[in-house]
Amino acid sequence: MAVLCIFAIMTTISMPLLREQVAAREIDSIARRFIAHAHFARQQALHLGEAVLISPFSMSGPIKNGSESWDQGWIIQSGCLAKTSKPNCVAKHWFSQSAIDPIYFKGGGKQFQDPHSGKKGILWNAAGAAKTGHGGFVANRLILGHRRAPELERQLILGSGGRWRICDPARDTKRCH
């Protein structure tokens, strides 16, 4: 009976820690997946010599009006994105990520939004630089949260050279700013 009592106490104590560890792994997994897809988009832009876009996605297809959130997932596409596209241009769609629940983008992922057009996404030009629709440089961050562990947060930070890093504000307060 004493052994069962000790086992019950140990389980009760360790369960919240285990739940937090699982949540941390889920949020880290989505962060790494997003960055891998962003790297793929940049590499495709360099390889093809044309703009490639990673943008929010919905079940009805790529977002057009800029009101949607990254929480529904994202898609990588190229072709027919620039004003200078050829008349017989064929759009290419690569893989996409569907909804990422219980992970979510804090603020709906509004950080990567072109201030001129209101469109969300990261447009990689043929030189592999992240640019807005009007040619401005994009250096920003997306902030991931977890619904079951609200205290968890990961910041996906895009630097000026196209390099990404994942920052945990609970541990890396200096690197996150």
N, C-alpha and C. Protein backbone atom coordinates (compact mmCIF):
# COMPACT_ATOMS: atom_id res chain seq x y z
N MET A 1 0.82 -1.19 0.00
CA MET A 1 0.00 0.00 0.00
C MET A 1 0.88 1.27 0.00
N ALA A 2 1.97 1.22 0.75
CA ALA A 2 2.88 2.36 0.82
C ALA A 2 3.51 2.62 -0.54
N VAL A 3 3.85 1.57 -1.26
CA VAL A 3 4.45 1.72 -2.57
C VAL A 3 3.47 2.40 -3.54
N LEU A 4 2.21 2.00 -3.50
CA LEU A 4 1.20 2.62 -4.35
C LEU A 4 1.00 4.09 -3.99
N CYS A 5 1.03 4.38 -2.71
CA CYS A 5 0.88 5.76 -2.26
C CYS A 5 2.05 6.63 -2.76
N ILE A 6 3.26 6.11 -2.65
CA ILE A 6 4.44 6.83 -3.13
C ILE A 6 4.37 7.01 -4.64
N PHE A 7 3.96 5.96 -5.35
CA PHE A 7 3.82 6.04 -6.80
C PHE A 7 2.78 7.10 -7.20
N ALA A 8 1.66 7.16 -6.50
CA ALA A 8 0.61 8.15 -6.78
C ALA A 8 1.13 9.57 -6.54
N ILE A 9 1.87 9.77 -5.48
CA ILE A 9 2.43 11.09 -5.17
C ILE A 9 3.44 11.50 -6.24
N MET A 10 4.30 10.58 -6.63
CA MET A 10 5.31 10.88 -7.67
C MET A 10 4.64 11.22 -9.00
N THR A 11 3.59 10.47 -9.34
CA THR A 11 2.87 10.74 -10.58
C THR A 11 2.20 12.10 -10.54
N THR A 12 1.59 12.43 -9.43
CA THR A 12 0.92 13.73 -9.28
C THR A 12 1.92 14.88 -9.40
N ILE A 13 3.09 14.71 -8.85
CA ILE A 13 4.11 15.76 -8.90
C ILE A 13 4.70 15.89 -10.30
N SER A 14 4.94 14.77 -10.98
CA SER A 14 5.64 14.81 -12.27
C SER A 14 4.73 15.11 -13.46
N MET A 15 3.43 14.94 -13.32
CA MET A 15 2.53 15.13 -14.46
C MET A 15 2.58 16.54 -15.05
N PRO A 16 2.52 17.62 -14.28
CA PRO A 16 2.61 18.95 -14.88
C PRO A 16 3.95 19.20 -15.59
N LEU A 17 5.03 18.64 -15.05
CA LEU A 17 6.33 18.79 -15.69
C LEU A 17 6.36 18.07 -17.03
N LEU A 18 5.77 16.89 -17.07
CA LEU A 18 5.71 16.12 -18.30
C LEU A 18 4.85 16.85 -19.33
N ARG A 19 3.72 17.40 -18.92
CA ARG A 19 2.84 18.15 -19.82
C ARG A 19 3.57 19.36 -20.40
N GLU A 20 4.36 20.05 -19.59
CA GLU A 20 5.11 21.21 -20.07
C GLU A 20 6.20 20.79 -21.05
N GLN A 21 6.85 19.65 -20.79
CA GLN A 21 7.88 19.15 -21.71
C GLN A 21 7.29 18.79 -23.07
N VAL A 22 6.11 18.17 -23.07
CA VAL A 22 5.45 17.81 -24.32
C VAL A 22 5.08 19.08 -25.09
N ALA A 23 4.54 20.08 -24.40
CA ALA A 23 4.17 21.35 -25.03
C ALA A 23 5.40 22.04 -25.61
N ALA A 24 6.51 22.02 -24.88
CA ALA A 24 7.74 22.65 -25.37
C ALA A 24 8.24 21.95 -26.64
N ARG A 25 8.15 20.63 -26.67
CA ARG A 25 8.57 19.90 -27.88
C ARG A 25 7.65 20.21 -29.06
N GLU A 26 6.34 20.35 -28.80
CA GLU A 26 5.41 20.67 -29.88
C GLU A 26 5.70 22.05 -30.47
N ILE A 27 5.91 23.03 -29.61
CA ILE A 27 6.16 24.39 -30.09
C ILE A 27 7.50 24.47 -30.81
N ASP A 28 8.52 23.77 -30.30
CA ASP A 28 9.82 23.75 -30.97
C ASP A 28 9.74 23.07 -32.34
N SER A 29 8.94 22.02 -32.43
CA SER A 29 8.78 21.30 -33.68
C SER A 29 8.15 22.19 -34.76
N ILE A 30 7.11 22.93 -34.41
CA ILE A 30 6.46 23.83 -35.37
C ILE A 30 7.43 24.96 -35.76
N ALA A 31 8.17 25.48 -34.79
CA ALA A 31 9.13 26.55 -35.08
C ALA A 31 10.19 26.07 -36.08
N ARG A 32 10.73 24.88 -35.85
CA ARG A 32 11.74 24.34 -36.76
C ARG A 32 11.16 24.05 -38.14
N ARG A 33 9.91 23.56 -38.17
CA ARG A 33 9.26 23.27 -39.46
C ARG A 33 9.04 24.56 -40.26
N PHE A 34 8.57 25.62 -39.59
CA PHE A 34 8.35 26.88 -40.30
C PHE A 34 9.67 27.40 -40.88
N ILE A 35 10.72 27.37 -40.07
CA ILE A 35 12.01 27.86 -40.54
C ILE A 35 12.54 26.99 -41.69
N ALA A 36 12.35 25.68 -41.62
CA ALA A 36 12.78 24.80 -42.72
C ALA A 36 12.02 25.15 -44.00
N HIS A 37 10.73 25.42 -43.89
CA HIS A 37 9.95 25.80 -45.07
C HIS A 37 10.38 27.16 -45.60
N ALA A 38 10.70 28.10 -44.72
CA ALA A 38 11.18 29.41 -45.15
C ALA A 38 12.54 29.28 -45.85
N HIS A 39 13.41 28.42 -45.33
CA HIS A 39 14.70 28.17 -46.00
C HIS A 39 14.48 27.56 -47.38
N PHE A 40 13.53 26.63 -47.47
CA PHE A 40 13.22 26.03 -48.76
C PHE A 40 12.74 27.09 -49.74
N ALA A 41 11.86 27.98 -49.30
CA ALA A 41 11.35 29.04 -50.17
C ALA A 41 12.49 29.93 -50.66
N ARG A 42 13.40 30.29 -49.76
CA ARG A 42 14.54 31.13 -50.15
C ARG A 42 15.43 30.41 -51.15
N GLN A 43 15.68 29.13 -50.91
CA GLN A 43 16.53 28.36 -51.82
C GLN A 43 15.89 28.22 -53.20
N GLN A 44 14.57 28.07 -53.23
CA GLN A 44 13.87 27.98 -54.51
C GLN A 44 13.98 29.30 -55.27
N ALA A 45 13.88 30.42 -54.54
CA ALA A 45 14.02 31.74 -55.18
C ALA A 45 15.40 31.87 -55.81
N LEU A 46 16.42 31.45 -55.09
CA LEU A 46 17.79 31.51 -55.62
C LEU A 46 17.96 30.58 -56.81
N HIS A 47 17.43 29.37 -56.69
CA HIS A 47 17.58 28.36 -57.74
C HIS A 47 16.82 28.74 -59.01
N LEU A 48 15.58 29.20 -58.87
CA LEU A 48 14.75 29.50 -60.02
C LEU A 48 15.01 30.88 -60.61
N GLY A 49 15.60 31.76 -59.79
CA GLY A 49 15.83 33.12 -60.25
C GLY A 49 14.55 33.93 -60.34
N GLU A 50 13.57 33.60 -59.51
CA GLU A 50 12.30 34.34 -59.48
C GLU A 50 11.78 34.40 -58.05
N ALA A 51 10.83 35.27 -57.83
CA ALA A 51 10.28 35.46 -56.49
C ALA A 51 9.53 34.21 -56.02
N VAL A 52 9.70 33.90 -54.73
CA VAL A 52 8.98 32.80 -54.09
C VAL A 52 8.38 33.34 -52.81
N LEU A 53 7.14 32.98 -52.56
CA LEU A 53 6.38 33.51 -51.44
C LEU A 53 5.99 32.40 -50.48
N ILE A 54 6.18 32.64 -49.20
CA ILE A 54 5.60 31.78 -48.17
C ILE A 54 4.54 32.65 -47.50
N SER A 55 3.30 32.17 -47.52
CA SER A 55 2.19 32.99 -47.04
C SER A 55 1.18 32.15 -46.28
N PRO A 56 0.31 32.80 -45.50
CA PRO A 56 -0.75 32.06 -44.80
C PRO A 56 -1.61 31.30 -45.80
N PHE A 57 -2.17 30.21 -45.33
CA PHE A 57 -2.95 29.31 -46.17
C PHE A 57 -4.26 28.99 -45.48
N SER A 58 -5.30 28.83 -46.27
CA SER A 58 -6.57 28.36 -45.72
C SER A 58 -7.04 27.19 -46.55
N MET A 59 -8.06 26.52 -46.10
CA MET A 59 -8.57 25.36 -46.82
C MET A 59 -9.05 25.73 -48.22
N SER A 60 -9.42 26.98 -48.42
CA SER A 60 -9.89 27.41 -49.73
C SER A 60 -8.73 27.83 -50.64
N GLY A 61 -7.51 27.82 -50.14
CA GLY A 61 -6.35 28.16 -50.96
C GLY A 61 -5.57 29.31 -50.36
N PRO A 62 -4.60 29.84 -51.12
CA PRO A 62 -3.78 30.93 -50.62
C PRO A 62 -4.61 32.15 -50.26
N ILE A 63 -4.17 32.88 -49.27
CA ILE A 63 -4.89 34.05 -48.78
C ILE A 63 -4.69 35.20 -49.76
N LYS A 64 -5.75 35.90 -50.05
CA LYS A 64 -5.67 37.04 -50.96
C LYS A 64 -5.89 38.37 -50.25
N ASN A 65 -6.72 38.39 -49.20
CA ASN A 65 -7.11 39.66 -48.62
C ASN A 65 -6.29 40.09 -47.41
N GLY A 66 -5.38 39.28 -46.92
CA GLY A 66 -4.52 39.66 -45.81
C GLY A 66 -5.18 39.61 -44.45
N SER A 67 -6.42 39.15 -44.36
CA SER A 67 -7.10 39.15 -43.07
C SER A 67 -6.93 37.83 -42.32
N GLU A 68 -6.34 36.84 -42.94
CA GLU A 68 -6.20 35.53 -42.32
C GLU A 68 -4.94 35.46 -41.46
N SER A 69 -4.83 34.37 -40.73
CA SER A 69 -3.73 34.19 -39.80
C SER A 69 -2.85 33.02 -40.22
N TRP A 70 -1.62 33.04 -39.78
CA TRP A 70 -0.69 31.94 -40.03
C TRP A 70 -1.13 30.68 -39.29
N ASP A 71 -2.03 30.81 -38.31
CA ASP A 71 -2.47 29.66 -37.52
C ASP A 71 -3.11 28.58 -38.38
N GLN A 72 -3.66 28.95 -39.52
CA GLN A 72 -4.30 27.98 -40.41
C GLN A 72 -3.28 27.24 -41.26
N GLY A 73 -2.02 27.63 -41.15
CA GLY A 73 -0.96 26.99 -41.91
C GLY A 73 -0.37 27.95 -42.93
N TRP A 74 0.49 27.42 -43.78
CA TRP A 74 1.14 28.25 -44.78
C TRP A 74 1.41 27.43 -46.04
N ILE A 75 1.70 28.15 -47.11
CA ILE A 75 1.96 27.53 -48.40
C ILE A 75 3.14 28.25 -49.04
N ILE A 76 3.89 27.50 -49.84
CA ILE A 76 5.01 28.09 -50.58
C ILE A 76 4.64 28.05 -52.05
N GLN A 77 4.78 29.20 -52.71
CA GLN A 77 4.39 29.30 -54.11
C GLN A 77 5.35 30.23 -54.85
N SER A 78 5.42 30.05 -56.16
CA SER A 78 6.22 30.94 -57.00
C SER A 78 5.53 31.10 -58.33
N GLY A 79 6.07 31.98 -59.14
CA GLY A 79 5.52 32.21 -60.46
C GLY A 79 4.33 33.15 -60.40
N CYS A 80 4.27 34.08 -61.29
CA CYS A 80 3.16 35.03 -61.42
C CYS A 80 2.98 35.88 -60.17
N LEU A 81 4.04 36.12 -59.43
CA LEU A 81 3.93 36.91 -58.20
C LEU A 81 4.27 38.37 -58.43
N ALA A 82 5.17 38.63 -59.35
CA ALA A 82 5.62 40.01 -59.57
C ALA A 82 4.82 40.68 -60.67
N LYS A 83 4.84 41.99 -60.66
CA LYS A 83 4.15 42.76 -61.70
C LYS A 83 4.77 42.52 -63.07
N THR A 84 6.01 42.12 -63.08
CA THR A 84 6.73 41.91 -64.34
C THR A 84 6.63 40.47 -64.82
N SER A 85 5.70 39.68 -64.28
CA SER A 85 5.56 38.28 -64.69
C SER A 85 5.21 38.18 -66.17
N LYS A 86 5.67 37.12 -66.77
CA LYS A 86 5.38 36.89 -68.18
C LYS A 86 3.89 36.61 -68.36
N PRO A 87 3.33 36.94 -69.52
CA PRO A 87 1.89 36.72 -69.74
C PRO A 87 1.48 35.25 -69.65
N ASN A 88 2.33 34.33 -70.05
CA ASN A 88 2.00 32.90 -70.01
C ASN A 88 2.56 32.23 -68.75
N CYS A 89 2.68 32.98 -67.71
CA CYS A 89 3.25 32.52 -66.45
C CYS A 89 2.39 31.41 -65.83
N VAL A 90 3.07 30.41 -65.28
CA VAL A 90 2.38 29.30 -64.59
C VAL A 90 2.81 29.31 -63.13
N ALA A 91 1.85 29.43 -62.24
CA ALA A 91 2.15 29.44 -60.81
C ALA A 91 2.53 28.03 -60.35
N LYS A 92 3.52 27.96 -59.48
CA LYS A 92 3.95 26.68 -58.91
C LYS A 92 3.64 26.70 -57.42
N HIS A 93 3.09 25.62 -56.93
CA HIS A 93 2.82 25.48 -55.51
C HIS A 93 3.59 24.26 -55.02
N TRP A 94 4.35 24.48 -53.96
CA TRP A 94 5.03 23.36 -53.34
C TRP A 94 4.22 22.92 -52.14
N PHE A 95 4.85 22.32 -51.19
CA PHE A 95 4.14 21.81 -50.03
C PHE A 95 3.58 22.92 -49.17
N SER A 96 2.64 22.53 -48.35
CA SER A 96 2.05 23.48 -47.41
C SER A 96 1.90 22.80 -46.06
N GLN A 97 1.66 23.60 -45.06
CA GLN A 97 1.44 23.13 -43.70
C GLN A 97 0.00 23.48 -43.34
N SER A 98 -0.75 22.52 -42.85
CA SER A 98 -2.13 22.81 -42.46
C SER A 98 -2.15 23.36 -41.03
N ALA A 99 -3.33 23.49 -40.46
CA ALA A 99 -3.50 24.07 -39.13
C ALA A 99 -2.54 23.45 -38.12
N ILE A 100 -2.08 24.26 -37.18
CA ILE A 100 -1.02 23.83 -36.26
C ILE A 100 -1.50 23.78 -34.82
N ASP A 101 -2.80 23.61 -34.59
CA ASP A 101 -3.37 23.58 -33.26
C ASP A 101 -2.72 22.48 -32.44
N PRO A 102 -2.32 22.65 -31.23
CA PRO A 102 -2.59 23.70 -30.25
C PRO A 102 -1.59 24.85 -30.28
N ILE A 103 -0.70 24.87 -31.25
CA ILE A 103 0.25 25.97 -31.40
C ILE A 103 -0.46 27.10 -32.14
N TYR A 104 -0.13 28.33 -31.82
CA TYR A 104 -0.72 29.46 -32.53
C TYR A 104 0.31 30.58 -32.62
N PHE A 105 0.10 31.46 -33.58
CA PHE A 105 0.95 32.63 -33.74
C PHE A 105 0.33 33.77 -32.95
N LYS A 106 1.06 34.29 -31.99
CA LYS A 106 0.54 35.40 -31.19
C LYS A 106 0.33 36.62 -32.08
N GLY A 107 -0.80 37.26 -31.90
CA GLY A 107 -1.14 38.40 -32.74
C GLY A 107 -1.53 37.99 -34.14
N GLY A 108 -1.80 36.70 -34.34
CA GLY A 108 -2.19 36.22 -35.67
C GLY A 108 -1.07 36.23 -36.68
N GLY A 109 0.16 36.43 -36.24
CA GLY A 109 1.29 36.47 -37.16
C GLY A 109 1.30 37.73 -38.01
N LYS A 110 0.78 38.82 -37.46
CA LYS A 110 0.68 40.06 -38.23
C LYS A 110 2.04 40.70 -38.49
N GLN A 111 3.09 40.17 -37.88
CA GLN A 111 4.40 40.79 -38.00
C GLN A 111 4.93 40.78 -39.43
N PHE A 112 4.67 39.75 -40.20
CA PHE A 112 5.12 39.71 -41.59
C PHE A 112 3.99 40.15 -42.50
N GLN A 113 3.68 41.42 -42.43
CA GLN A 113 2.62 42.00 -43.24
C GLN A 113 3.18 43.21 -43.96
N ASP A 114 3.02 43.23 -45.27
CA ASP A 114 3.50 44.35 -46.07
C ASP A 114 2.72 45.60 -45.68
N PRO A 115 3.39 46.66 -45.20
CA PRO A 115 2.67 47.85 -44.76
C PRO A 115 1.95 48.58 -45.90
N HIS A 116 2.37 48.35 -47.13
CA HIS A 116 1.77 49.04 -48.27
C HIS A 116 0.53 48.32 -48.79
N SER A 117 0.61 47.00 -48.92
CA SER A 117 -0.49 46.25 -49.50
C SER A 117 -1.37 45.56 -48.46
N GLY A 118 -0.85 45.36 -47.23
CA GLY A 118 -1.59 44.65 -46.21
C GLY A 118 -1.52 43.14 -46.35
N LYS A 119 -0.82 42.63 -47.37
CA LYS A 119 -0.71 41.19 -47.58
C LYS A 119 0.30 40.60 -46.61
N LYS A 120 -0.04 39.42 -46.09
CA LYS A 120 0.85 38.71 -45.17
C LYS A 120 1.71 37.74 -45.96
N GLY A 121 2.94 37.58 -45.53
CA GLY A 121 3.82 36.62 -46.14
C GLY A 121 5.24 37.14 -46.21
N ILE A 122 6.12 36.27 -46.66
CA ILE A 122 7.52 36.62 -46.85
C ILE A 122 7.83 36.34 -48.31
N LEU A 123 8.18 37.38 -49.04
CA LEU A 123 8.50 37.26 -50.45
C LEU A 123 10.01 37.27 -50.60
N TRP A 124 10.55 36.15 -51.08
CA TRP A 124 11.98 36.06 -51.32
C TRP A 124 12.22 36.42 -52.77
N ASN A 125 13.08 37.39 -53.03
CA ASN A 125 13.36 37.77 -54.42
C ASN A 125 14.41 36.83 -55.02
N ALA A 126 14.74 37.03 -56.28
CA ALA A 126 15.66 36.14 -56.99
C ALA A 126 17.06 36.14 -56.39
N ALA A 127 17.39 37.17 -55.62
CA ALA A 127 18.70 37.23 -54.96
C ALA A 127 18.65 36.59 -53.57
N GLY A 128 17.50 36.07 -53.17
CA GLY A 128 17.36 35.41 -51.88
C GLY A 128 17.13 36.35 -50.72
N ALA A 129 16.74 37.59 -51.00
CA ALA A 129 16.48 38.56 -49.94
C ALA A 129 14.98 38.64 -49.69
N ALA A 130 14.61 38.80 -48.43
CA ALA A 130 13.20 38.95 -48.06
C ALA A 130 12.82 40.41 -48.26
N LYS A 131 11.87 40.64 -49.15
CA LYS A 131 11.47 42.00 -49.49
C LYS A 131 9.97 42.16 -49.38
N THR A 132 9.54 43.40 -49.17
CA THR A 132 8.11 43.71 -49.23
C THR A 132 7.75 43.91 -50.70
N GLY A 133 6.47 44.07 -50.97
CA GLY A 133 6.02 44.29 -52.33
C GLY A 133 6.58 45.55 -52.96
N HIS A 134 6.97 46.52 -52.13
CA HIS A 134 7.53 47.78 -52.63
C HIS A 134 9.05 47.81 -52.55
N GLY A 135 9.67 46.65 -52.29
CA GLY A 135 11.12 46.56 -52.32
C GLY A 135 11.81 46.81 -51.00
N GLY A 136 11.07 47.10 -49.95
CA GLY A 136 11.68 47.32 -48.65
C GLY A 136 12.17 46.03 -48.03
N PHE A 137 13.15 46.14 -47.16
CA PHE A 137 13.71 44.96 -46.50
C PHE A 137 12.78 44.47 -45.40
N VAL A 138 12.66 43.16 -45.27
CA VAL A 138 11.85 42.56 -44.22
C VAL A 138 12.79 41.95 -43.19
N ALA A 139 12.76 42.46 -41.99
CA ALA A 139 13.45 41.83 -40.86
C ALA A 139 12.46 41.88 -39.72
N ASN A 140 12.02 40.75 -39.29
CA ASN A 140 10.94 40.73 -38.34
C ASN A 140 10.93 39.42 -37.57
N ARG A 141 9.85 39.21 -36.84
CA ARG A 141 9.72 37.99 -36.05
C ARG A 141 8.27 37.55 -36.00
N LEU A 142 8.12 36.25 -35.87
CA LEU A 142 6.83 35.64 -35.58
C LEU A 142 6.93 35.07 -34.18
N ILE A 143 5.85 35.17 -33.42
CA ILE A 143 5.87 34.70 -32.04
C ILE A 143 4.88 33.56 -31.91
N LEU A 144 5.39 32.39 -31.51
CA LEU A 144 4.56 31.21 -31.33
C LEU A 144 4.16 31.07 -29.87
N GLY A 145 2.93 30.64 -29.65
CA GLY A 145 2.44 30.33 -28.31
C GLY A 145 1.83 28.94 -28.31
N HIS A 146 1.48 28.46 -27.13
CA HIS A 146 0.88 27.13 -26.98
C HIS A 146 -0.38 27.26 -26.14
N ARG A 147 -1.49 26.73 -26.62
CA ARG A 147 -2.78 26.88 -25.93
C ARG A 147 -2.82 26.17 -24.58
N ARG A 148 -2.14 25.04 -24.44
CA ARG A 148 -2.17 24.30 -23.18
C ARG A 148 -1.12 24.78 -22.18
N ALA A 149 -0.16 25.56 -22.66
CA ALA A 149 0.89 26.09 -21.79
C ALA A 149 1.11 27.55 -22.16
N PRO A 150 0.22 28.45 -21.69
CA PRO A 150 0.27 29.86 -22.11
C PRO A 150 1.58 30.57 -21.77
N GLU A 151 2.34 30.06 -20.82
CA GLU A 151 3.59 30.71 -20.46
C GLU A 151 4.71 30.42 -21.46
N LEU A 152 4.52 29.41 -22.32
CA LEU A 152 5.53 29.06 -23.33
C LEU A 152 5.45 30.01 -24.51
N GLU A 153 6.60 30.39 -25.01
CA GLU A 153 6.66 31.26 -26.18
C GLU A 153 7.98 31.01 -26.90
N ARG A 154 7.92 31.01 -28.22
CA ARG A 154 9.12 30.95 -29.04
C ARG A 154 9.02 32.07 -30.08
N GLN A 155 10.12 32.75 -30.30
CA GLN A 155 10.17 33.80 -31.30
C GLN A 155 11.02 33.33 -32.46
N LEU A 156 10.46 33.42 -33.66
CA LEU A 156 11.18 33.08 -34.89
C LEU A 156 11.63 34.40 -35.47
N ILE A 157 12.92 34.64 -35.45
CA ILE A 157 13.46 35.95 -35.82
C ILE A 157 14.22 35.84 -37.14
N LEU A 158 13.84 36.68 -38.09
CA LEU A 158 14.50 36.74 -39.39
C LEU A 158 15.45 37.93 -39.39
N GLY A 159 16.73 37.66 -39.60
CA GLY A 159 17.73 38.71 -39.65
C GLY A 159 17.90 39.27 -41.05
N SER A 160 18.68 40.32 -41.16
CA SER A 160 18.86 41.02 -42.44
C SER A 160 19.54 40.17 -43.49
N GLY A 161 20.32 39.18 -43.10
CA GLY A 161 21.00 38.32 -44.07
C GLY A 161 20.18 37.11 -44.48
N GLY A 162 18.93 37.04 -44.04
CA GLY A 162 18.09 35.90 -44.37
C GLY A 162 18.25 34.74 -43.40
N ARG A 163 18.99 34.95 -42.33
CA ARG A 163 19.22 33.91 -41.34
C ARG A 163 18.12 33.94 -40.28
N TRP A 164 17.63 32.78 -39.93
CA TRP A 164 16.59 32.65 -38.90
C TRP A 164 17.20 32.17 -37.60
N ARG A 165 16.57 32.52 -36.52
CA ARG A 165 16.93 31.92 -35.23
C ARG A 165 15.68 31.78 -34.40
N ILE A 166 15.68 30.79 -33.52
CA ILE A 166 14.58 30.55 -32.60
C ILE A 166 15.02 31.04 -31.24
N CYS A 167 14.18 31.84 -30.63
CA CYS A 167 14.53 32.43 -29.34
C CYS A 167 13.46 32.07 -28.31
N ASP A 168 13.90 31.64 -27.15
CA ASP A 168 13.02 31.36 -26.02
C ASP A 168 13.17 32.51 -25.04
N PRO A 169 12.20 33.43 -24.96
CA PRO A 169 12.35 34.60 -24.09
C PRO A 169 12.51 34.26 -22.61
N ALA A 170 12.07 33.08 -22.20
CA ALA A 170 12.23 32.69 -20.80
C ALA A 170 13.70 32.41 -20.46
N ARG A 171 14.48 32.01 -21.47
CA ARG A 171 15.89 31.69 -21.23
C ARG A 171 16.86 32.66 -21.89
N ASP A 172 16.49 33.20 -23.05
CA ASP A 172 17.42 34.01 -23.85
C ASP A 172 16.98 35.47 -23.91
N THR A 173 16.84 36.13 -22.80
CA THR A 173 16.31 37.49 -22.81
C THR A 173 17.18 38.45 -23.63
N LYS A 174 18.49 38.25 -23.63
CA LYS A 174 19.36 39.15 -24.40
C LYS A 174 19.29 38.88 -25.89
N ARG A 175 19.18 37.63 -26.29
CA ARG A 175 19.16 37.27 -27.72
C ARG A 175 17.83 37.58 -28.38
N CYS A 176 16.77 37.74 -27.61
CA CYS A 176 15.43 37.93 -28.18
C CYS A 176 15.16 39.37 -28.56
N HIS A 177 16.07 40.27 -28.27
CA HIS A 177 15.77 41.68 -28.57
C HIS A 177 16.72 42.24 -29.60
